[in-house]
Amino acid sequence: MSPQARGHLAMLVFSALVAGSFSLGSMIANQIAPEVVTAARFAIAAVVIGIAALLTTGLPRSAARAPWRYLVLGGLFATYFVLMFHGLKTAPPVSAAAVFTLTPVLSAVAGWVLLRQVTTPRMALALTIGAVGALWVIFKADWQAFTAFQIGTGEIIYFWGCVAHAIYTPMVRKLNRGEPAVVFAFGTILAGCLMLTLYGWSDIRATDWANLPMIVWAGLLYVSIFATAASFVLVQFSALRLPSAKVMAYTYLVPSWVILWEIALGNGVPAALILVGVVLTCAALLMLLRPDEAPDAKPALETDQS
């Protein structure tokens, strides 16, 4: 399997894991402060990734070169989560999901600015088709729901979080100096954990950890291990092998995966018309799987870092 194919496979798994965090995370969102959830998930993820790094590639001393790189990346990802939770205080989930579909386009712009990655006409068409498909799923094929979409303060706050997420993807490739994905992810998430701990320290201290409901612990462990630790490694792994726009294009699959998660959790089957959106997102990804018409400005690493 080529490095590019492994990158696509990693992002396919990433989209499924992230979708689960929406379904499970909604069960605990009102039972613990957002800052506490985010800081805790980063702390648990840092432990998991650190152990994984020690058991696989190890933590070479060379990875500690220029530690400011991890602060930049950790800060970007921490900013995304903090602004997401603050935005969701006033923005309806559907509106926030609509804003999230802008991330691939924003990432394509960031990829060109930071790495001069070229978005070919076919890739631009695929991103457009994927966006339409994702919006179709998000608004449940209801035109009235789409036209009722309003931009409020929460949506604007979350938009800037999505900007930070979009910048993060090309920055991984720009700042990586040959470190394995799992090692680089450990440094990033550890830096983000330190920043989030400082930011939410008062809420962390005020949380009654001993009396948290079991569902909170279950949801926290999922978002920490699968939606944070695993996704960190998968995104960094893919960002070293694929253009930024292609990496973030997999976010278009998240609404479709959420449907499957909701069905699995017994929350009902959506209307058949919604499947049109699923088909569109799949078609967009098939277009992106084809080789680029123009080469990347900065080629992906060829070494196996898995």
C-alpha atoms as a PDB file:
ATOM      1  CA  MET A   1       0.000   0.000   0.000  1.00  0.00           C
ATOM      2  CA  SER A   2       1.407   3.406  -1.005  1.00  0.00           C
ATOM      3  CA  PRO A   3       1.971   6.193   1.561  1.00  0.00           C
ATOM      4  CA  GLN A   4      -0.932   8.140   0.041  1.00  0.00           C
ATOM      5  CA  ALA A   5      -3.278   5.142   0.289  1.00  0.00           C
ATOM      6  CA  ARG A   6      -2.321   4.666   3.948  1.00  0.00           C
ATOM      7  CA  GLY A   7      -3.073   8.346   4.519  1.00  0.00           C
ATOM      8  CA  HIS A   8      -6.551   7.968   3.031  1.00  0.00           C
ATOM      9  CA  LEU A   9      -7.247   4.849   5.090  1.00  0.00           C
ATOM     10  CA  ALA A  10      -6.142   6.633   8.263  1.00  0.00           C
ATOM     11  CA  MET A  11      -8.516   9.526   7.587  1.00  0.00           C
ATOM     12  CA  LEU A  12     -11.396   7.140   6.880  1.00  0.00           C
ATOM     13  CA  VAL A  13     -10.906   5.664  10.359  1.00  0.00           C
ATOM     14  CA  PHE A  14     -10.501   9.191  11.769  1.00  0.00           C
ATOM     15  CA  SER A  15     -13.884  10.325  10.416  1.00  0.00           C
ATOM     16  CA  ALA A  16     -15.656   7.320  11.967  1.00  0.00           C
ATOM     17  CA  LEU A  17     -14.026   7.853  15.378  1.00  0.00           C
ATOM     18  CA  VAL A  18     -14.760  11.585  15.446  1.00  0.00           C
ATOM     19  CA  ALA A  19     -18.399  10.942  14.535  1.00  0.00           C
ATOM     20  CA  GLY A  20     -18.729   8.772  17.631  1.00  0.00           C
ATOM     21  CA  SER A  21     -17.667  11.690  19.800  1.00  0.00           C
ATOM     22  CA  PHE A  22     -20.683  13.705  18.626  1.00  0.00           C
ATOM     23  CA  SER A  23     -23.144  10.975  19.620  1.00  0.00           C
ATOM     24  CA  LEU A  24     -21.452  10.001  22.884  1.00  0.00           C
ATOM     25  CA  GLY A  25     -20.237  13.479  23.743  1.00  0.00           C
ATOM     26  CA  SER A  26     -23.766  14.867  23.591  1.00  0.00           C
ATOM     27  CA  MET A  27     -24.672  12.535  26.466  1.00  0.00           C
ATOM     28  CA  ILE A  28     -22.202  14.206  28.830  1.00  0.00           C
ATOM     29  CA  ALA A  29     -22.084  17.761  27.488  1.00  0.00           C
ATOM     30  CA  ASN A  30     -24.364  19.173  30.193  1.00  0.00           C
ATOM     31  CA  GLN A  31     -22.875  17.200  33.091  1.00  0.00           C
ATOM     32  CA  ILE A  32     -19.343  18.612  33.156  1.00  0.00           C
ATOM     33  CA  ALA A  33     -17.732  21.932  32.166  1.00  0.00           C
ATOM     34  CA  PRO A  34     -16.387  22.027  28.567  1.00  0.00           C
ATOM     35  CA  GLU A  35     -12.970  23.229  29.710  1.00  0.00           C
ATOM     36  CA  VAL A  36     -12.744  20.319  32.142  1.00  0.00           C
ATOM     37  CA  VAL A  37     -13.757  17.768  29.490  1.00  0.00           C
ATOM     38  CA  THR A  38     -11.203  19.120  27.039  1.00  0.00           C
ATOM     39  CA  ALA A  39      -8.353  19.286  29.542  1.00  0.00           C
ATOM     40  CA  ALA A  40      -9.126  15.770  30.818  1.00  0.00           C
ATOM     41  CA  ARG A  41      -9.361  14.254  27.334  1.00  0.00           C
ATOM     42  CA  PHE A  42      -6.004  15.803  26.401  1.00  0.00           C
ATOM     43  CA  ALA A  43      -4.404  14.502  29.597  1.00  0.00           C
ATOM     44  CA  ILE A  44      -5.684  10.945  29.071  1.00  0.00           C
ATOM     45  CA  ALA A  45      -4.764  11.058  25.395  1.00  0.00           C
ATOM     46  CA  ALA A  46      -1.245  12.247  26.248  1.00  0.00           C
ATOM     47  CA  VAL A  47      -0.753   9.226  28.506  1.00  0.00           C
ATOM     48  CA  VAL A  48      -2.105   6.824  25.872  1.00  0.00           C
ATOM     49  CA  ILE A  49      -0.018   8.283  23.046  1.00  0.00           C
ATOM     50  CA  GLY A  50       3.068   8.487  25.262  1.00  0.00           C
ATOM     51  CA  ILE A  51       2.813   4.778  26.112  1.00  0.00           C
ATOM     52  CA  ALA A  52       2.210   3.925  22.462  1.00  0.00           C
ATOM     53  CA  ALA A  53       5.291   5.893  21.459  1.00  0.00           C
ATOM     54  CA  LEU A  54       7.462   4.169  24.072  1.00  0.00           C
ATOM     55  CA  LEU A  55       6.288   0.732  22.938  1.00  0.00           C
ATOM     56  CA  THR A  56       6.813   1.428  19.220  1.00  0.00           C
ATOM     57  CA  THR A  57       9.245   4.064  18.022  1.00  0.00           C
ATOM     58  CA  GLY A  58      10.436   5.270  21.421  1.00  0.00           C
ATOM     59  CA  LEU A  59      10.860   8.930  22.376  1.00  0.00           C
ATOM     60  CA  PRO A  60      14.198   9.980  20.848  1.00  0.00           C
ATOM     61  CA  ARG A  61      15.977  12.972  22.297  1.00  0.00           C
ATOM     62  CA  SER A  62      16.032  14.536  18.828  1.00  0.00           C
ATOM     63  CA  ALA A  63      12.236  14.934  19.017  1.00  0.00           C
ATOM     64  CA  ALA A  64      12.733  17.612  21.685  1.00  0.00           C
ATOM     65  CA  ARG A  65      14.418  19.930  19.187  1.00  0.00           C
ATOM     66  CA  ALA A  66      12.625  23.261  18.842  1.00  0.00           C
ATOM     67  CA  PRO A  67       9.897  22.563  21.421  1.00  0.00           C
ATOM     68  CA  TRP A  68       8.106  25.738  20.339  1.00  0.00           C
ATOM     69  CA  ARG A  69       6.728  23.664  17.430  1.00  0.00           C
ATOM     70  CA  TYR A  70       4.602  21.625  19.819  1.00  0.00           C
ATOM     71  CA  LEU A  71       3.329  24.770  21.532  1.00  0.00           C
ATOM     72  CA  VAL A  72       2.201  26.150  18.177  1.00  0.00           C
ATOM     73  CA  LEU A  73       0.421  22.943  17.147  1.00  0.00           C
ATOM     74  CA  GLY A  74      -0.966  22.209  20.606  1.00  0.00           C
ATOM     75  CA  GLY A  75      -2.176  25.785  20.879  1.00  0.00           C
ATOM     76  CA  LEU A  76      -3.982  25.586  17.539  1.00  0.00           C
ATOM     77  CA  PHE A  77      -5.782  22.368  18.413  1.00  0.00           C
ATOM     78  CA  ALA A  78      -6.606  23.524  21.947  1.00  0.00           C
ATOM     79  CA  THR A  79      -7.975  26.761  20.485  1.00  0.00           C
ATOM     80  CA  TYR A  80     -10.253  24.775  18.206  1.00  0.00           C
ATOM     81  CA  PHE A  81     -11.803  22.774  21.060  1.00  0.00           C
ATOM     82  CA  VAL A  82     -12.172  25.751  23.391  1.00  0.00           C
ATOM     83  CA  LEU A  83     -13.842  27.915  20.740  1.00  0.00           C
ATOM     84  CA  MET A  84     -16.024  24.981  19.663  1.00  0.00           C
ATOM     85  CA  PHE A  85     -17.451  24.552  23.172  1.00  0.00           C
ATOM     86  CA  HIS A  86     -17.888  28.295  23.646  1.00  0.00           C
ATOM     87  CA  GLY A  87     -19.624  28.527  20.280  1.00  0.00           C
ATOM     88  CA  LEU A  88     -21.969  25.678  21.141  1.00  0.00           C
ATOM     89  CA  LYS A  89     -23.219  27.612  24.153  1.00  0.00           C
ATOM     90  CA  THR A  90     -25.404  29.654  21.786  1.00  0.00           C
ATOM     91  CA  ALA A  91     -25.105  27.998  18.367  1.00  0.00           C
ATOM     92  CA  PRO A  92     -27.511  25.118  17.616  1.00  0.00           C
ATOM     93  CA  PRO A  93     -25.715  21.850  16.771  1.00  0.00           C
ATOM     94  CA  VAL A  94     -27.007  21.928  13.184  1.00  0.00           C
ATOM     95  CA  SER A  95     -25.642  25.424  12.628  1.00  0.00           C
ATOM     96  CA  ALA A  96     -22.296  24.460  14.159  1.00  0.00           C
ATOM     97  CA  ALA A  97     -22.099  21.385  11.936  1.00  0.00           C
ATOM     98  CA  ALA A  98     -22.751  23.584   8.908  1.00  0.00           C
ATOM     99  CA  VAL A  99     -19.858  25.842   9.923  1.00  0.00           C
ATOM    100  CA  PHE A 100     -17.626  22.783  10.353  1.00  0.00           C
ATOM    101  CA  THR A 101     -18.099  21.861   6.681  1.00  0.00           C
ATOM    102  CA  LEU A 102     -16.113  24.999   5.798  1.00  0.00           C
ATOM    103  CA  THR A 103     -12.972  23.444   7.316  1.00  0.00           C
ATOM    104  CA  PRO A 104     -11.745  21.602   4.171  1.00  0.00           C
ATOM    105  CA  VAL A 105     -11.960  24.775   2.082  1.00  0.00           C
ATOM    106  CA  LEU A 106     -10.217  26.774   4.812  1.00  0.00           C
ATOM    107  CA  SER A 107      -7.546  24.063   4.995  1.00  0.00           C
ATOM    108  CA  ALA A 108      -7.012  24.251   1.232  1.00  0.00           C
ATOM    109  CA  VAL A 109      -6.374  27.998   1.578  1.00  0.00           C
ATOM    110  CA  ALA A 110      -4.041  27.464   4.540  1.00  0.00           C
ATOM    111  CA  GLY A 111      -2.211  24.721   2.630  1.00  0.00           C
ATOM    112  CA  TRP A 112      -1.533  27.089  -0.258  1.00  0.00           C
ATOM    113  CA  VAL A 113      -0.393  29.949   2.011  1.00  0.00           C
ATOM    114  CA  LEU A 114       1.897  27.828   4.193  1.00  0.00           C
ATOM    115  CA  LEU A 115       3.075  25.112   1.789  1.00  0.00           C
ATOM    116  CA  ARG A 116       2.031  26.316  -1.678  1.00  0.00           C
ATOM    117  CA  GLN A 117      -0.058  23.164  -2.042  1.00  0.00           C
ATOM    118  CA  VAL A 118      -2.058  23.419  -5.254  1.00  0.00           C
ATOM    119  CA  THR A 119      -5.780  22.654  -5.278  1.00  0.00           C
ATOM    120  CA  THR A 120      -6.449  21.261  -8.751  1.00  0.00           C
ATOM    121  CA  PRO A 121      -9.776  21.887 -10.535  1.00  0.00           C
ATOM    122  CA  ARG A 122     -10.799  18.270  -9.920  1.00  0.00           C
ATOM    123  CA  MET A 123      -9.985  18.571  -6.207  1.00  0.00           C
ATOM    124  CA  ALA A 124     -11.963  21.821  -5.976  1.00  0.00           C
ATOM    125  CA  LEU A 125     -14.938  20.121  -7.646  1.00  0.00           C
ATOM    126  CA  ALA A 126     -14.656  17.177  -5.234  1.00  0.00           C
ATOM    127  CA  LEU A 127     -14.561  19.532  -2.230  1.00  0.00           C
ATOM    128  CA  THR A 128     -17.672  21.299  -3.517  1.00  0.00           C
ATOM    129  CA  ILE A 129     -19.556  18.034  -4.047  1.00  0.00           C
ATOM    130  CA  GLY A 130     -18.494  16.848  -0.594  1.00  0.00           C
ATOM    131  CA  ALA A 131     -19.692  20.089   0.997  1.00  0.00           C
ATOM    132  CA  VAL A 132     -23.091  19.809  -0.693  1.00  0.00           C
ATOM    133  CA  GLY A 133     -23.407  16.183   0.417  1.00  0.00           C
ATOM    134  CA  ALA A 134     -22.453  17.009   4.013  1.00  0.00           C
ATOM    135  CA  LEU A 135     -24.934  19.892   4.171  1.00  0.00           C
ATOM    136  CA  TRP A 136     -27.610  17.633   2.694  1.00  0.00           C
ATOM    137  CA  VAL A 137     -27.093  15.178   5.555  1.00  0.00           C
ATOM    138  CA  ILE A 138     -26.779  17.857   8.244  1.00  0.00           C
ATOM    139  CA  PHE A 139     -30.060  19.569   7.279  1.00  0.00           C
ATOM    140  CA  LYS A 140     -31.783  16.193   6.697  1.00  0.00           C
ATOM    141  CA  ALA A 141     -32.657  17.032   3.071  1.00  0.00           C
ATOM    142  CA  ASP A 142     -34.962  19.802   4.345  1.00  0.00           C
ATOM    143  CA  TRP A 143     -34.662  22.988   2.269  1.00  0.00           C
ATOM    144  CA  GLN A 144     -36.630  24.999   4.830  1.00  0.00           C
ATOM    145  CA  ALA A 145     -34.169  23.982   7.553  1.00  0.00           C
ATOM    146  CA  PHE A 146     -31.296  25.144   5.342  1.00  0.00           C
ATOM    147  CA  THR A 147     -32.878  28.512   4.511  1.00  0.00           C
ATOM    148  CA  ALA A 148     -33.621  29.041   8.228  1.00  0.00           C
ATOM    149  CA  PHE A 149     -29.885  28.847   9.023  1.00  0.00           C
ATOM    150  CA  GLN A 150     -28.802  32.046  10.772  1.00  0.00           C
ATOM    151  CA  ILE A 151     -25.338  33.275  11.634  1.00  0.00           C
ATOM    152  CA  GLY A 152     -25.116  34.290  15.276  1.00  0.00           C
ATOM    153  CA  THR A 153     -22.380  34.963  17.824  1.00  0.00           C
ATOM    154  CA  GLY A 154     -21.893  31.261  18.542  1.00  0.00           C
ATOM    155  CA  GLU A 155     -21.422  30.438  14.863  1.00  0.00           C
ATOM    156  CA  ILE A 156     -18.858  33.226  14.474  1.00  0.00           C
ATOM    157  CA  ILE A 157     -16.917  32.022  17.535  1.00  0.00           C
ATOM    158  CA  TYR A 158     -16.906  28.441  16.226  1.00  0.00           C
ATOM    159  CA  PHE A 159     -15.854  29.631  12.764  1.00  0.00           C
ATOM    160  CA  TRP A 160     -12.611  30.994  14.215  1.00  0.00           C
ATOM    161  CA  GLY A 161     -12.111  27.664  15.927  1.00  0.00           C
ATOM    162  CA  CYS A 162     -12.456  25.981  12.525  1.00  0.00           C
ATOM    163  CA  VAL A 163      -9.863  28.406  11.153  1.00  0.00           C
ATOM    164  CA  ALA A 164      -7.432  27.221  13.847  1.00  0.00           C
ATOM    165  CA  HIS A 165      -8.229  23.583  12.931  1.00  0.00           C
ATOM    166  CA  ALA A 166      -7.636  24.319   9.236  1.00  0.00           C
ATOM    167  CA  ILE A 167      -4.260  25.952   9.918  1.00  0.00           C
ATOM    168  CA  TYR A 168      -3.225  23.057  12.147  1.00  0.00           C
ATOM    169  CA  THR A 169      -3.232  20.503   9.306  1.00  0.00           C
ATOM    170  CA  PRO A 170      -0.632  22.120   6.998  1.00  0.00           C
ATOM    171  CA  MET A 171       1.374  23.276  10.019  1.00  0.00           C
ATOM    172  CA  VAL A 172       1.940  19.612  10.946  1.00  0.00           C
ATOM    173  CA  ARG A 173       3.799  19.057   7.697  1.00  0.00           C
ATOM    174  CA  LYS A 174       5.574  22.411   7.860  1.00  0.00           C
ATOM    175  CA  LEU A 175       6.925  21.909  11.396  1.00  0.00           C
ATOM    176  CA  ASN A 176       7.634  18.170  11.331  1.00  0.00           C
ATOM    177  CA  ARG A 177      11.369  17.410  11.120  1.00  0.00           C
ATOM    178  CA  GLY A 178      11.185  13.711  10.441  1.00  0.00           C
ATOM    179  CA  GLU A 179       9.703  12.641  13.779  1.00  0.00           C
ATOM    180  CA  PRO A 180       7.347   9.617  13.627  1.00  0.00           C
ATOM    181  CA  ALA A 181       3.670  10.585  13.696  1.00  0.00           C
ATOM    182  CA  VAL A 182       3.080   9.079  17.146  1.00  0.00           C
ATOM    183  CA  VAL A 183       6.048  10.949  18.653  1.00  0.00           C
ATOM    184  CA  PHE A 184       5.073  14.234  17.042  1.00  0.00           C
ATOM    185  CA  ALA A 185       1.473  13.763  18.181  1.00  0.00           C
ATOM    186  CA  PHE A 186       2.644  13.126  21.761  1.00  0.00           C
ATOM    187  CA  GLY A 187       4.569  16.389  21.856  1.00  0.00           C
ATOM    188  CA  THR A 188       1.620  18.256  20.372  1.00  0.00           C
ATOM    189  CA  ILE A 189      -1.037  16.882  22.701  1.00  0.00           C
ATOM    190  CA  LEU A 190       1.195  17.264  25.764  1.00  0.00           C
ATOM    191  CA  ALA A 191       1.702  20.940  24.945  1.00  0.00           C
ATOM    192  CA  GLY A 192      -2.028  21.349  24.375  1.00  0.00           C
ATOM    193  CA  CYS A 193      -2.756  19.633  27.681  1.00  0.00           C
ATOM    194  CA  LEU A 194      -0.512  22.053  29.579  1.00  0.00           C
ATOM    195  CA  MET A 195      -2.190  25.048  27.937  1.00  0.00           C
ATOM    196  CA  LEU A 196      -5.690  23.747  28.615  1.00  0.00           C
ATOM    197  CA  THR A 197      -4.841  22.921  32.238  1.00  0.00           C
ATOM    198  CA  LEU A 198      -3.691  26.480  32.829  1.00  0.00           C
ATOM    199  CA  TYR A 199      -6.747  27.858  31.035  1.00  0.00           C
ATOM    200  CA  GLY A 200      -9.331  25.762  32.883  1.00  0.00           C
ATOM    201  CA  TRP A 201      -7.593  25.268  36.243  1.00  0.00           C
ATOM    202  CA  SER A 202     -10.346  26.890  38.299  1.00  0.00           C
ATOM    203  CA  ASP A 203     -13.038  24.672  36.753  1.00  0.00           C
ATOM    204  CA  ILE A 204     -10.825  21.584  37.103  1.00  0.00           C
ATOM    205  CA  ARG A 205     -10.388  22.219  40.816  1.00  0.00           C
ATOM    206  CA  ALA A 206     -14.122  22.844  41.265  1.00  0.00           C
ATOM    207  CA  THR A 207     -15.161  19.554  39.611  1.00  0.00           C
ATOM    208  CA  ASP A 208     -16.394  16.781  41.949  1.00  0.00           C
ATOM    209  CA  TRP A 209     -14.437  13.998  40.229  1.00  0.00           C
ATOM    210  CA  ALA A 210     -15.422  11.315  42.758  1.00  0.00           C
ATOM    211  CA  ASN A 211     -19.149  11.706  42.107  1.00  0.00           C
ATOM    212  CA  LEU A 212     -19.231  11.995  38.329  1.00  0.00           C
ATOM    213  CA  PRO A 213     -21.882   9.684  36.761  1.00  0.00           C
ATOM    214  CA  MET A 214     -20.602   6.538  35.039  1.00  0.00           C
ATOM    215  CA  ILE A 215     -21.848   7.794  31.660  1.00  0.00           C
ATOM    216  CA  VAL A 216     -19.528  10.792  32.009  1.00  0.00           C
ATOM    217  CA  TRP A 217     -16.519   8.549  32.597  1.00  0.00           C
ATOM    218  CA  ALA A 218     -17.504   6.301  29.680  1.00  0.00           C
ATOM    219  CA  GLY A 219     -17.948   9.266  27.352  1.00  0.00           C
ATOM    220  CA  LEU A 220     -14.751  10.885  28.605  1.00  0.00           C
ATOM    221  CA  LEU A 221     -12.717   7.735  27.995  1.00  0.00           C
ATOM    222  CA  TYR A 222     -14.092   7.424  24.463  1.00  0.00           C
ATOM    223  CA  VAL A 223     -13.410  11.017  23.440  1.00  0.00           C
ATOM    224  CA  SER A 224      -9.985  10.843  25.096  1.00  0.00           C
ATOM    225  CA  ILE A 225      -8.727   7.555  23.647  1.00  0.00           C
ATOM    226  CA  PHE A 226     -10.513   7.297  20.315  1.00  0.00           C
ATOM    227  CA  ALA A 227     -11.670  10.787  19.358  1.00  0.00           C
ATOM    228  CA  THR A 228      -8.536  12.536  20.661  1.00  0.00           C
ATOM    229  CA  ALA A 229      -5.513  10.224  21.012  1.00  0.00           C
ATOM    230  CA  ALA A 230      -6.230   8.096  17.947  1.00  0.00           C
ATOM    231  CA  SER A 231      -7.415  11.023  15.835  1.00  0.00           C
ATOM    232  CA  PHE A 232      -4.303  13.057  16.713  1.00  0.00           C
ATOM    233  CA  VAL A 233      -2.058  10.295  15.410  1.00  0.00           C
ATOM    234  CA  LEU A 234      -4.240   9.620  12.366  1.00  0.00           C
ATOM    235  CA  VAL A 235      -4.375  13.275  11.309  1.00  0.00           C
ATOM    236  CA  GLN A 236      -0.637  13.773  11.763  1.00  0.00           C
ATOM    237  CA  PHE A 237       0.053  10.499   9.937  1.00  0.00           C
ATOM    238  CA  SER A 238      -2.145  11.599   7.024  1.00  0.00           C
ATOM    239  CA  ALA A 239      -0.970  15.222   6.966  1.00  0.00           C
ATOM    240  CA  LEU A 240       2.563  13.987   6.218  1.00  0.00           C
ATOM    241  CA  ARG A 241       1.285  12.052   3.181  1.00  0.00           C
ATOM    242  CA  LEU A 242      -1.635  14.005   1.725  1.00  0.00           C
ATOM    243  CA  PRO A 243      -2.393  17.637   0.817  1.00  0.00           C
ATOM    244  CA  SER A 244      -4.167  19.528   3.594  1.00  0.00           C
ATOM    245  CA  ALA A 245      -7.412  19.895   1.609  1.00  0.00           C
ATOM    246  CA  LYS A 246      -7.601  16.119   1.103  1.00  0.00           C
ATOM    247  CA  VAL A 247      -6.959  15.444   4.787  1.00  0.00           C
ATOM    248  CA  MET A 248      -9.720  17.753   5.949  1.00  0.00           C
ATOM    249  CA  ALA A 249     -12.100  16.633   3.170  1.00  0.00           C
ATOM    250  CA  TYR A 250     -12.792  13.555   5.281  1.00  0.00           C
ATOM    251  CA  THR A 251     -14.701  15.789   7.687  1.00  0.00           C
ATOM    252  CA  TYR A 252     -17.470  15.670   5.080  1.00  0.00           C
ATOM    253  CA  LEU A 253     -17.994  12.008   5.991  1.00  0.00           C
ATOM    254  CA  VAL A 254     -18.609  12.787   9.670  1.00  0.00           C
ATOM    255  CA  PRO A 255     -22.358  13.540   9.326  1.00  0.00           C
ATOM    256  CA  SER A 256     -22.841  10.239   7.478  1.00  0.00           C
ATOM    257  CA  TRP A 257     -20.937   8.321  10.156  1.00  0.00           C
ATOM    258  CA  VAL A 258     -23.062  10.067  12.815  1.00  0.00           C
ATOM    259  CA  ILE A 259     -26.144   8.561  11.172  1.00  0.00           C
ATOM    260  CA  LEU A 260     -24.665   5.082  11.584  1.00  0.00           C
ATOM    261  CA  TRP A 261     -23.729   5.831  15.194  1.00  0.00           C
ATOM    262  CA  GLU A 262     -27.268   7.035  15.939  1.00  0.00           C
ATOM    263  CA  ILE A 263     -28.727   3.881  14.380  1.00  0.00           C
ATOM    264  CA  ALA A 264     -26.342   1.714  16.418  1.00  0.00           C
ATOM    265  CA  LEU A 265     -27.351   3.528  19.618  1.00  0.00           C
ATOM    266  CA  GLY A 266     -31.020   2.905  18.861  1.00  0.00           C
ATOM    267  CA  ASN A 267     -31.934   6.481  17.985  1.00  0.00           C
ATOM    268  CA  GLY A 268     -33.819   5.660  14.792  1.00  0.00           C
ATOM    269  CA  VAL A 269     -33.202   5.409  11.049  1.00  0.00           C
ATOM    270  CA  PRO A 270     -33.166   8.634   8.976  1.00  0.00           C
ATOM    271  CA  ALA A 271     -35.326   9.242   5.909  1.00  0.00           C
ATOM    272  CA  ALA A 272     -34.159   7.570   2.700  1.00  0.00           C
ATOM    273  CA  LEU A 273     -33.746  10.943   0.975  1.00  0.00           C
ATOM    274  CA  ILE A 274     -30.841  11.745   3.320  1.00  0.00           C
ATOM    275  CA  LEU A 275     -28.876   8.922   1.691  1.00  0.00           C
ATOM    276  CA  VAL A 276     -28.449  11.193  -1.342  1.00  0.00           C
ATOM    277  CA  GLY A 277     -26.069  13.277   0.739  1.00  0.00           C
ATOM    278  CA  VAL A 278     -24.153  10.179   1.801  1.00  0.00           C
ATOM    279  CA  VAL A 279     -23.744   9.190  -1.857  1.00  0.00           C
ATOM    280  CA  LEU A 280     -22.449  12.683  -2.721  1.00  0.00           C
ATOM    281  CA  THR A 281     -19.813  12.628   0.014  1.00  0.00           C
ATOM    282  CA  CYS A 282     -18.665   9.162  -1.081  1.00  0.00           C
ATOM    283  CA  ALA A 283     -18.461  10.350  -4.695  1.00  0.00           C
ATOM    284  CA  ALA A 284     -16.342  13.310  -3.617  1.00  0.00           C
ATOM    285  CA  LEU A 285     -13.913  11.044  -1.754  1.00  0.00           C
ATOM    286  CA  LEU A 286     -13.600   8.730  -4.768  1.00  0.00           C
ATOM    287  CA  MET A 287     -12.608  11.763  -6.833  1.00  0.00           C
ATOM    288  CA  LEU A 288     -10.004  12.682  -4.234  1.00  0.00           C
ATOM    289  CA  LEU A 289      -8.586   9.152  -4.230  1.00  0.00           C
ATOM    290  CA  ARG A 290      -7.378   9.588  -7.793  1.00  0.00           C
ATOM    291  CA  PRO A 291      -3.765  10.801  -8.258  1.00  0.00           C
ATOM    292  CA  ASP A 292      -3.305  14.567  -8.342  1.00  0.00           C
ATOM    293  CA  GLU A 293      -3.115  16.337 -11.662  1.00  0.00           C
ATOM    294  CA  ALA A 294      -0.474  18.640 -10.229  1.00  0.00           C
ATOM    295  CA  PRO A 295       2.258  17.594  -7.782  1.00  0.00           C
ATOM    296  CA  ASP A 296       2.334  18.772  -4.211  1.00  0.00           C
ATOM    297  CA  ALA A 297       4.590  21.756  -3.586  1.00  0.00           C
ATOM    298  CA  LYS A 298       6.099  19.876  -0.674  1.00  0.00           C
ATOM    299  CA  PRO A 299       6.032  16.121  -1.265  1.00  0.00           C
ATOM    300  CA  ALA A 300       4.769  13.748   1.408  1.00  0.00           C
ATOM    301  CA  LEU A 301       7.237  11.767   3.426  1.00  0.00           C
ATOM    302  CA  GLU A 302       7.913   8.353   1.936  1.00  0.00           C
ATOM    303  CA  THR A 303       9.181   6.678   5.068  1.00  0.00           C
ATOM    304  CA  ASP A 304       6.891   4.409   7.028  1.00  0.00           C
ATOM    305  CA  GLN A 305       6.076   6.193  10.277  1.00  0.00           C
ATOM    306  CA  SER A 306       3.301   3.928  11.407  1.00  0.00           C
END
